[in-house]
Amino acid sequence: MYACTVVASSTAVDDPQQARRLGKASMGLSIAGIVVTVLVIVIFVAVTRSAASSSCNYTKYGTCYSSRTYIGYSGTCYNGVKYGSYCYYI
């Protein structure tokens, strides 16, 4: 008959205070990982929106227009929006 004994490779099993410290450290690292992930997502969304809005050459009353054409004050604007002497196109 053979008997097998196993010895713990870490003192955390035998030391409740050390186990608590390791548990708290693990929890802290997990929370830090979540915070970093959220920050990366927020930064990514901000950069993506910034890049998307860079094609906005003209803004009138909160609307983004990519181009404009001078039509004069009494000119007619087709397929666009007239502001003053210009016709703005999306």
PDB file of N, CA and C in Angstrom:
ATOM      1  N   MET A   1       0.842  -1.165   0.000  1.00  0.00           N
ATOM      2  CA  MET A   1       0.000   0.000   0.000  1.00  0.00           C
ATOM      3  C   MET A   1       0.892   1.235   0.000  1.00  0.00           C
ATOM      4  N   TYR A   2       0.557   2.195  -0.902  1.00  0.00           N
ATOM      5  CA  TYR A   2       1.324   3.418  -1.009  1.00  0.00           C
ATOM      6  C   TYR A   2       0.493   4.582  -0.460  1.00  0.00           C
ATOM      7  N   ALA A   3       1.138   5.486   0.222  1.00  0.00           N
ATOM      8  CA  ALA A   3       0.477   6.690   0.751  1.00  0.00           C
ATOM      9  C   ALA A   3       1.063   7.899   0.051  1.00  0.00           C
ATOM     10  N   CYS A   4       0.216   8.774  -0.391  1.00  0.00           N
ATOM     11  CA  CYS A   4       0.655   9.973  -1.112  1.00  0.00           C
ATOM     12  C   CYS A   4       0.305  11.189  -0.274  1.00  0.00           C
ATOM     13  N   THR A   5       1.259  12.040  -0.073  1.00  0.00           N
ATOM     14  CA  THR A   5       1.002  13.281   0.661  1.00  0.00           C
ATOM     15  C   THR A   5       1.270  14.453  -0.256  1.00  0.00           C
ATOM     16  N   VAL A   6       0.479  15.493  -0.106  1.00  0.00           N
ATOM     17  CA  VAL A   6       0.611  16.689  -0.926  1.00  0.00           C
ATOM     18  C   VAL A   6       0.920  17.857  -0.009  1.00  0.00           C
ATOM     19  N   VAL A   7       1.905  18.616  -0.396  1.00  0.00           N
ATOM     20  CA  VAL A   7       2.297  19.782   0.384  1.00  0.00           C
ATOM     21  C   VAL A   7       1.861  21.023  -0.380  1.00  0.00           C
ATOM     22  N   ALA A   8       1.265  21.974   0.310  1.00  0.00           N
ATOM     23  CA  ALA A   8       0.818  23.207  -0.333  1.00  0.00           C
ATOM     24  C   ALA A   8       2.023  23.973  -0.862  1.00  0.00           C
ATOM     25  N   SER A   9       1.883  24.470  -2.075  1.00  0.00           N
ATOM     26  CA  SER A   9       2.995  25.195  -2.686  1.00  0.00           C
ATOM     27  C   SER A   9       2.987  26.671  -2.303  1.00  0.00           C
ATOM     28  N   SER A  10       1.954  27.130  -1.627  1.00  0.00           N
ATOM     29  CA  SER A  10       1.854  28.527  -1.237  1.00  0.00           C
ATOM     30  C   SER A  10       1.449  28.612   0.219  1.00  0.00           C
ATOM     31  N   THR A  11       1.953  29.632   0.891  1.00  0.00           N
ATOM     32  CA  THR A  11       1.609  29.782   2.297  1.00  0.00           C
ATOM     33  C   THR A  11       0.227  30.390   2.470  1.00  0.00           C
ATOM     34  N   ALA A  12      -0.402  30.852   1.368  1.00  0.00           N
ATOM     35  CA  ALA A  12      -1.716  31.477   1.464  1.00  0.00           C
ATOM     36  C   ALA A  12      -2.751  30.509   2.016  1.00  0.00           C
ATOM     37  N   VAL A  13      -2.596  29.234   1.723  1.00  0.00           N
ATOM     38  CA  VAL A  13      -3.539  28.234   2.217  1.00  0.00           C
ATOM     39  C   VAL A  13      -3.428  28.110   3.730  1.00  0.00           C
ATOM     40  N   ASP A  14      -2.230  28.210   4.228  1.00  0.00           N
ATOM     41  CA  ASP A  14      -2.003  28.046   5.658  1.00  0.00           C
ATOM     42  C   ASP A  14      -2.120  29.360   6.432  1.00  0.00           C
ATOM     43  N   ASP A  15      -2.117  30.496   5.760  1.00  0.00           N
ATOM     44  CA  ASP A  15      -2.109  31.784   6.429  1.00  0.00           C
ATOM     45  C   ASP A  15      -3.357  32.580   6.020  1.00  0.00           C
ATOM     46  N   PRO A  16      -4.393  32.608   6.877  1.00  0.00           N
ATOM     47  CA  PRO A  16      -5.635  33.298   6.520  1.00  0.00           C
ATOM     48  C   PRO A  16      -5.437  34.789   6.225  1.00  0.00           C
ATOM     49  N   GLN A  17      -4.549  35.462   6.939  1.00  0.00           N
ATOM     50  CA  GLN A  17      -4.318  36.889   6.681  1.00  0.00           C
ATOM     51  C   GLN A  17      -3.713  37.111   5.298  1.00  0.00           C
ATOM     52  N   GLN A  18      -2.771  36.264   4.949  1.00  0.00           N
ATOM     53  CA  GLN A  18      -2.161  36.366   3.612  1.00  0.00           C
ATOM     54  C   GLN A  18      -3.204  36.061   2.535  1.00  0.00           C
ATOM     55  N   ALA A  19      -4.071  35.095   2.802  1.00  0.00           N
ATOM     56  CA  ALA A  19      -5.119  34.758   1.844  1.00  0.00           C
ATOM     57  C   ALA A  19      -6.061  35.951   1.651  1.00  0.00           C
ATOM     58  N   ARG A  20      -6.407  36.647   2.746  1.00  0.00           N
ATOM     59  CA  ARG A  20      -7.262  37.825   2.659  1.00  0.00           C
ATOM     60  C   ARG A  20      -6.582  38.927   1.850  1.00  0.00           C
ATOM     61  N   ARG A  21      -5.304  39.141   2.103  1.00  0.00           N
ATOM     62  CA  ARG A  21      -4.570  40.170   1.352  1.00  0.00           C
ATOM     63  C   ARG A  21      -4.531  39.852  -0.136  1.00  0.00           C
ATOM     64  N   LEU A  22      -4.290  38.594  -0.452  1.00  0.00           N
ATOM     65  CA  LEU A  22      -4.260  38.198  -1.860  1.00  0.00           C
ATOM     66  C   LEU A  22      -5.644  38.344  -2.490  1.00  0.00           C
ATOM     67  N   GLY A  23      -6.678  38.036  -1.734  1.00  0.00           N
ATOM     68  CA  GLY A  23      -8.047  38.201  -2.227  1.00  0.00           C
ATOM     69  C   GLY A  23      -8.364  39.659  -2.503  1.00  0.00           C
ATOM     70  N   LYS A  24      -7.956  40.546  -1.594  1.00  0.00           N
ATOM     71  CA  LYS A  24      -8.186  41.975  -1.789  1.00  0.00           C
ATOM     72  C   LYS A  24      -7.387  42.499  -2.985  1.00  0.00           C
ATOM     73  N   ALA A  25      -6.162  42.044  -3.115  1.00  0.00           N
ATOM     74  CA  ALA A  25      -5.338  42.458  -4.255  1.00  0.00           C
ATOM     75  C   ALA A  25      -5.975  41.990  -5.563  1.00  0.00           C
ATOM     76  N   SER A  26      -6.480  40.767  -5.557  1.00  0.00           N
ATOM     77  CA  SER A  26      -7.138  40.236  -6.751  1.00  0.00           C
ATOM     78  C   SER A  26      -8.378  41.054  -7.095  1.00  0.00           C
ATOM     79  N   MET A  27      -9.160  41.396  -6.085  1.00  0.00           N
ATOM     80  CA  MET A  27     -10.360  42.208  -6.305  1.00  0.00           C
ATOM     81  C   MET A  27      -9.973  43.598  -6.832  1.00  0.00           C
ATOM     82  N   GLY A  28      -8.938  44.194  -6.264  1.00  0.00           N
ATOM     83  CA  GLY A  28      -8.478  45.505  -6.719  1.00  0.00           C
ATOM     84  C   GLY A  28      -8.020  45.479  -8.161  1.00  0.00           C
ATOM     85  N   LEU A  29      -7.283  44.435  -8.534  1.00  0.00           N
ATOM     86  CA  LEU A  29      -6.823  44.319  -9.920  1.00  0.00           C
ATOM     87  C   LEU A  29      -7.991  44.107 -10.872  1.00  0.00           C
ATOM     88  N   SER A  30      -8.990  43.367 -10.443  1.00  0.00           N
ATOM     89  CA  SER A  30     -10.173  43.156 -11.280  1.00  0.00           C
ATOM     90  C   SER A  30     -10.910  44.470 -11.512  1.00  0.00           C
ATOM     91  N   ILE A  31     -11.098  45.246 -10.446  1.00  0.00           N
ATOM     92  CA  ILE A  31     -11.775  46.533 -10.576  1.00  0.00           C
ATOM     93  C   ILE A  31     -10.959  47.479 -11.457  1.00  0.00           C
ATOM     94  N   ALA A  32      -9.651  47.489 -11.271  1.00  0.00           N
ATOM     95  CA  ALA A  32      -8.791  48.333 -12.100  1.00  0.00           C
ATOM     96  C   ALA A  32      -8.902  47.938 -13.575  1.00  0.00           C
ATOM     97  N   GLY A  33      -8.985  46.650 -13.845  1.00  0.00           N
ATOM     98  CA  GLY A  33      -9.136  46.178 -15.220  1.00  0.00           C
ATOM     99  C   GLY A  33     -10.442  46.641 -15.837  1.00  0.00           C
ATOM    100  N   ILE A  34     -11.509  46.606 -15.053  1.00  0.00           N
ATOM    101  CA  ILE A  34     -12.808  47.064 -15.544  1.00  0.00           C
ATOM    102  C   ILE A  34     -12.766  48.568 -15.827  1.00  0.00           C
ATOM    103  N   VAL A  35     -12.162  49.331 -14.917  1.00  0.00           N
ATOM    104  CA  VAL A  35     -12.069  50.788 -15.096  1.00  0.00           C
ATOM    105  C   VAL A  35     -11.258  51.117 -16.348  1.00  0.00           C
ATOM    106  N   VAL A  36     -10.140  50.441 -16.537  1.00  0.00           N
ATOM    107  CA  VAL A  36      -9.305  50.686 -17.719  1.00  0.00           C
ATOM    108  C   VAL A  36     -10.075  50.339 -18.987  1.00  0.00           C
ATOM    109  N   THR A  37     -10.816  49.250 -18.977  1.00  0.00           N
ATOM    110  CA  THR A  37     -11.609  48.858 -20.144  1.00  0.00           C
ATOM    111  C   THR A  37     -12.654  49.907 -20.477  1.00  0.00           C
ATOM    112  N   VAL A  38     -13.351  50.409 -19.468  1.00  0.00           N
ATOM    113  CA  VAL A  38     -14.361  51.442 -19.694  1.00  0.00           C
ATOM    114  C   VAL A  38     -13.706  52.704 -20.257  1.00  0.00           C
ATOM    115  N   LEU A  39     -12.558  53.100 -19.703  1.00  0.00           N
ATOM    116  CA  LEU A  39     -11.859  54.287 -20.208  1.00  0.00           C
ATOM    117  C   LEU A  39     -11.437  54.115 -21.665  1.00  0.00           C
ATOM    118  N   VAL A  40     -10.946  52.938 -22.015  1.00  0.00           N
ATOM    119  CA  VAL A  40     -10.533  52.681 -23.394  1.00  0.00           C
ATOM    120  C   VAL A  40     -11.737  52.784 -24.331  1.00  0.00           C
ATOM    121  N   ILE A  41     -12.877  52.256 -23.909  1.00  0.00           N
ATOM    122  CA  ILE A  41     -14.080  52.332 -24.739  1.00  0.00           C
ATOM    123  C   ILE A  41     -14.521  53.778 -24.908  1.00  0.00           C
ATOM    124  N   VAL A  42     -14.508  54.561 -23.827  1.00  0.00           N
ATOM    125  CA  VAL A  42     -14.908  55.965 -23.897  1.00  0.00           C
ATOM    126  C   VAL A  42     -13.980  56.743 -24.830  1.00  0.00           C
ATOM    127  N   ILE A  43     -12.686  56.517 -24.707  1.00  0.00           N
ATOM    128  CA  ILE A  43     -11.720  57.206 -25.575  1.00  0.00           C
ATOM    129  C   ILE A  43     -11.916  56.791 -27.030  1.00  0.00           C
ATOM    130  N   PHE A  44     -12.152  55.510 -27.263  1.00  0.00           N
ATOM    131  CA  PHE A  44     -12.362  55.020 -28.624  1.00  0.00           C
ATOM    132  C   PHE A  44     -13.597  55.668 -29.251  1.00  0.00           C
ATOM    133  N   VAL A  45     -14.681  55.747 -28.499  1.00  0.00           N
ATOM    134  CA  VAL A  45     -15.910  56.368 -29.012  1.00  0.00           C
ATOM    135  C   VAL A  45     -15.676  57.846 -29.296  1.00  0.00           C
ATOM    136  N   ALA A  46     -14.960  58.536 -28.401  1.00  0.00           N
ATOM    137  CA  ALA A  46     -14.688  59.965 -28.601  1.00  0.00           C
ATOM    138  C   ALA A  46     -13.843  60.189 -29.855  1.00  0.00           C
ATOM    139  N   VAL A  47     -12.831  59.382 -30.053  1.00  0.00           N
ATOM    140  CA  VAL A  47     -11.960  59.523 -31.228  1.00  0.00           C
ATOM    141  C   VAL A  47     -12.734  59.197 -32.495  1.00  0.00           C
ATOM    142  N   THR A  48     -13.574  58.171 -32.436  1.00  0.00           N
ATOM    143  CA  THR A  48     -14.358  57.794 -33.608  1.00  0.00           C
ATOM    144  C   THR A  48     -15.334  58.896 -33.990  1.00  0.00           C
ATOM    145  N   ARG A  49     -15.996  59.480 -33.005  1.00  0.00           N
ATOM    146  CA  ARG A  49     -16.932  60.575 -33.291  1.00  0.00           C
ATOM    147  C   ARG A  49     -16.191  61.792 -33.830  1.00  0.00           C
ATOM    148  N   SER A  50     -15.027  62.052 -33.287  1.00  0.00           N
ATOM    149  CA  SER A  50     -14.232  63.186 -33.738  1.00  0.00           C
ATOM    150  C   SER A  50     -13.834  63.002 -35.196  1.00  0.00           C
ATOM    151  N   ALA A  51     -13.428  61.791 -35.554  1.00  0.00           N
ATOM    152  CA  ALA A  51     -13.031  61.508 -36.930  1.00  0.00           C
ATOM    153  C   ALA A  51     -14.223  61.609 -37.870  1.00  0.00           C
ATOM    154  N   ALA A  52     -15.394  61.162 -37.398  1.00  0.00           N
ATOM    155  CA  ALA A  52     -16.583  61.213 -38.235  1.00  0.00           C
ATOM    156  C   ALA A  52     -17.037  62.650 -38.456  1.00  0.00           C
ATOM    157  N   SER A  53     -16.886  63.484 -37.432  1.00  0.00           N
ATOM    158  CA  SER A  53     -17.344  64.862 -37.576  1.00  0.00           C
ATOM    159  C   SER A  53     -16.328  65.737 -38.300  1.00  0.00           C
ATOM    160  N   SER A  54     -15.146  65.203 -38.588  1.00  0.00           N
ATOM    161  CA  SER A  54     -14.148  66.006 -39.293  1.00  0.00           C
ATOM    162  C   SER A  54     -14.548  66.272 -40.736  1.00  0.00           C
ATOM    163  N   SER A  55     -15.501  65.498 -41.281  1.00  0.00           N
ATOM    164  CA  SER A  55     -15.970  65.741 -42.641  1.00  0.00           C
ATOM    165  C   SER A  55     -17.033  66.838 -42.669  1.00  0.00           C
ATOM    166  N   CYS A  56     -17.324  67.395 -41.509  1.00  0.00           N
ATOM    167  CA  CYS A  56     -18.304  68.470 -41.403  1.00  0.00           C
ATOM    168  C   CYS A  56     -17.585  69.797 -41.652  1.00  0.00           C
ATOM    169  N   ASN A  57     -17.711  70.311 -42.861  1.00  0.00           N
ATOM    170  CA  ASN A  57     -17.020  71.546 -43.212  1.00  0.00           C
ATOM    171  C   ASN A  57     -17.770  72.794 -42.775  1.00  0.00           C
ATOM    172  N   TYR A  58     -19.104  72.714 -42.738  1.00  0.00           N
ATOM    173  CA  TYR A  58     -19.928  73.861 -42.370  1.00  0.00           C
ATOM    174  C   TYR A  58     -21.011  73.409 -41.404  1.00  0.00           C
ATOM    175  N   THR A  59     -21.248  74.197 -40.385  1.00  0.00           N
ATOM    176  CA  THR A  59     -22.303  73.887 -39.414  1.00  0.00           C
ATOM    177  C   THR A  59     -23.241  75.077 -39.314  1.00  0.00           C
ATOM    178  N   LYS A  60     -24.508  74.813 -39.507  1.00  0.00           N
ATOM    179  CA  LYS A  60     -25.537  75.848 -39.387  1.00  0.00           C
ATOM    180  C   LYS A  60     -26.634  75.315 -38.479  1.00  0.00           C
ATOM    181  N   TYR A  61     -26.847  76.011 -37.379  1.00  0.00           N
ATOM    182  CA  TYR A  61     -27.905  75.672 -36.422  1.00  0.00           C
ATOM    183  C   TYR A  61     -27.860  74.203 -36.006  1.00  0.00           C
ATOM    184  N   GLY A  62     -26.651  73.702 -35.783  1.00  0.00           N
ATOM    185  CA  GLY A  62     -26.466  72.344 -35.298  1.00  0.00           C
ATOM    186  C   GLY A  62     -26.487  71.263 -36.366  1.00  0.00           C
ATOM    187  N   THR A  63     -26.634  71.632 -37.618  1.00  0.00           N
ATOM    188  CA  THR A  63     -26.638  70.655 -38.713  1.00  0.00           C
ATOM    189  C   THR A  63     -25.311  70.727 -39.455  1.00  0.00           C
ATOM    190  N   CYS A  64     -24.795  69.577 -39.804  1.00  0.00           N
ATOM    191  CA  CYS A  64     -23.496  69.482 -40.481  1.00  0.00           C
ATOM    192  C   CYS A  64     -23.695  69.441 -41.994  1.00  0.00           C
ATOM    193  N   TYR A  65     -22.962  70.288 -42.702  1.00  0.00           N
ATOM    194  CA  TYR A  65     -23.006  70.318 -44.162  1.00  0.00           C
ATOM    195  C   TYR A  65     -21.597  70.103 -44.705  1.00  0.00           C
ATOM    196  N   SER A  66     -21.510  69.302 -45.749  1.00  0.00           N
ATOM    197  CA  SER A  66     -20.191  68.976 -46.296  1.00  0.00           C
ATOM    198  C   SER A  66     -19.706  70.002 -47.317  1.00  0.00           C
ATOM    199  N   SER A  67     -20.630  70.691 -47.977  1.00  0.00           N
ATOM    200  CA  SER A  67     -20.209  71.672 -48.986  1.00  0.00           C
ATOM    201  C   SER A  67     -21.219  72.811 -49.080  1.00  0.00           C
ATOM    202  N   ARG A  68     -20.782  73.885 -49.739  1.00  0.00           N
ATOM    203  CA  ARG A  68     -21.676  75.018 -49.972  1.00  0.00           C
ATOM    204  C   ARG A  68     -21.336  75.642 -51.320  1.00  0.00           C
ATOM    205  N   THR A  69     -22.326  76.310 -51.890  1.00  0.00           N
ATOM    206  CA  THR A  69     -22.159  76.975 -53.177  1.00  0.00           C
ATOM    207  C   THR A  69     -22.732  78.377 -53.063  1.00  0.00           C
ATOM    208  N   TYR A  70     -22.010  79.340 -53.597  1.00  0.00           N
ATOM    209  CA  TYR A  70     -22.499  80.716 -53.600  1.00  0.00           C
ATOM    210  C   TYR A  70     -23.569  80.848 -54.672  1.00  0.00           C
ATOM    211  N   ILE A  71     -24.760  81.300 -54.286  1.00  0.00           N
ATOM    212  CA  ILE A  71     -25.855  81.450 -55.242  1.00  0.00           C
ATOM    213  C   ILE A  71     -26.382  82.884 -55.281  1.00  0.00           C
ATOM    214  N   GLY A  72     -25.817  83.724 -54.429  1.00  0.00           N
ATOM    215  CA  GLY A  72     -26.308  85.088 -54.357  1.00  0.00           C
ATOM    216  C   GLY A  72     -27.509  85.180 -53.428  1.00  0.00           C
ATOM    217  N   TYR A  73     -27.828  86.393 -53.067  1.00  0.00           N
ATOM    218  CA  TYR A  73     -28.901  86.574 -52.089  1.00  0.00           C
ATOM    219  C   TYR A  73     -30.264  86.168 -52.641  1.00  0.00           C
ATOM    220  N   SER A  74     -30.499  86.385 -53.927  1.00  0.00           N
ATOM    221  CA  SER A  74     -31.805  86.066 -54.510  1.00  0.00           C
ATOM    222  C   SER A  74     -31.790  84.752 -55.284  1.00  0.00           C
ATOM    223  N   GLY A  75     -30.701  84.013 -55.247  1.00  0.00           N
ATOM    224  CA  GLY A  75     -30.604  82.753 -55.973  1.00  0.00           C
ATOM    225  C   GLY A  75     -31.468  81.654 -55.373  1.00  0.00           C
ATOM    226  N   THR A  76     -31.692  80.612 -56.167  1.00  0.00           N
ATOM    227  CA  THR A  76     -32.507  79.479 -55.744  1.00  0.00           C
ATOM    228  C   THR A  76     -31.599  78.302 -55.389  1.00  0.00           C
ATOM    229  N   CYS A  77     -31.946  77.618 -54.319  1.00  0.00           N
ATOM    230  CA  CYS A  77     -31.145  76.479 -53.845  1.00  0.00           C
ATOM    231  C   CYS A  77     -31.914  75.185 -54.099  1.00  0.00           C
ATOM    232  N   TYR A  78     -31.362  74.305 -54.955  1.00  0.00           N
ATOM    233  CA  TYR A  78     -31.982  73.020 -55.245  1.00  0.00           C
ATOM    234  C   TYR A  78     -31.224  71.924 -54.492  1.00  0.00           C
ATOM    235  N   ASN A  79     -31.950  71.024 -53.897  1.00  0.00           N
ATOM    236  CA  ASN A  79     -31.372  69.877 -53.160  1.00  0.00           C
ATOM    237  C   ASN A  79     -30.427  70.302 -52.046  1.00  0.00           C
ATOM    238  N   GLY A  80     -30.670  71.432 -51.444  1.00  0.00           N
ATOM    239  CA  GLY A  80     -29.847  71.911 -50.350  1.00  0.00           C
ATOM    240  C   GLY A  80     -30.645  72.855 -49.472  1.00  0.00           C
ATOM    241  N   VAL A  81     -29.949  73.521 -48.572  1.00  0.00           N
ATOM    242  CA  VAL A  81     -30.588  74.467 -47.659  1.00  0.00           C
ATOM    243  C   VAL A  81     -29.929  75.822 -47.848  1.00  0.00           C
ATOM    244  N   LYS A  82     -30.750  76.848 -47.997  1.00  0.00           N
ATOM    245  CA  LYS A  82     -30.219  78.180 -48.243  1.00  0.00           C
ATOM    246  C   LYS A  82     -30.083  78.950 -46.933  1.00  0.00           C
ATOM    247  N   TYR A  83     -28.888  79.508 -46.740  1.00  0.00           N
ATOM    248  CA  TYR A  83     -28.598  80.415 -45.633  1.00  0.00           C
ATOM    249  C   TYR A  83     -27.887  81.617 -46.230  1.00  0.00           C
ATOM    250  N   GLY A  84     -28.552  82.761 -46.230  1.00  0.00           N
ATOM    251  CA  GLY A  84     -27.936  83.962 -46.787  1.00  0.00           C
ATOM    252  C   GLY A  84     -27.744  83.809 -48.281  1.00  0.00           C
ATOM    253  N   SER A  85     -26.498  83.979 -48.734  1.00  0.00           N
ATOM    254  CA  SER A  85     -26.176  83.907 -50.165  1.00  0.00           C
ATOM    255  C   SER A  85     -25.609  82.551 -50.572  1.00  0.00           C
ATOM    256  N   TYR A  86     -25.681  81.575 -49.687  1.00  0.00           N
ATOM    257  CA  TYR A  86     -25.078  80.259 -49.969  1.00  0.00           C
ATOM    258  C   TYR A  86     -26.116  79.151 -49.899  1.00  0.00           C
ATOM    259  N   CYS A  87     -25.863  78.104 -50.665  1.00  0.00           N
ATOM    260  CA  CYS A  87     -26.656  76.882 -50.618  1.00  0.00           C
ATOM    261  C   CYS A  87     -25.779  75.803 -49.996  1.00  0.00           C
ATOM    262  N   TYR A  88     -26.245  75.224 -48.923  1.00  0.00           N
ATOM    263  CA  TYR A  88     -25.479  74.206 -48.178  1.00  0.00           C
ATOM    264  C   TYR A  88     -26.019  72.823 -48.478  1.00  0.00           C
ATOM    265  N   TYR A  89     -25.072  71.868 -48.663  1.00  0.00           N
ATOM    266  CA  TYR A  89     -25.433  70.487 -48.999  1.00  0.00           C
ATOM    267  C   TYR A  89     -24.899  69.523 -47.950  1.00  0.00           C
ATOM    268  N   ILE A  90     -25.711  68.529 -47.664  1.00  0.00           N
ATOM    269  CA  ILE A  90     -25.306  67.516 -46.666  1.00  0.00           C
ATOM    270  C   ILE A  90     -24.355  66.531 -47.272  1.00  0.00           C
TER     271      ILE A  90
END
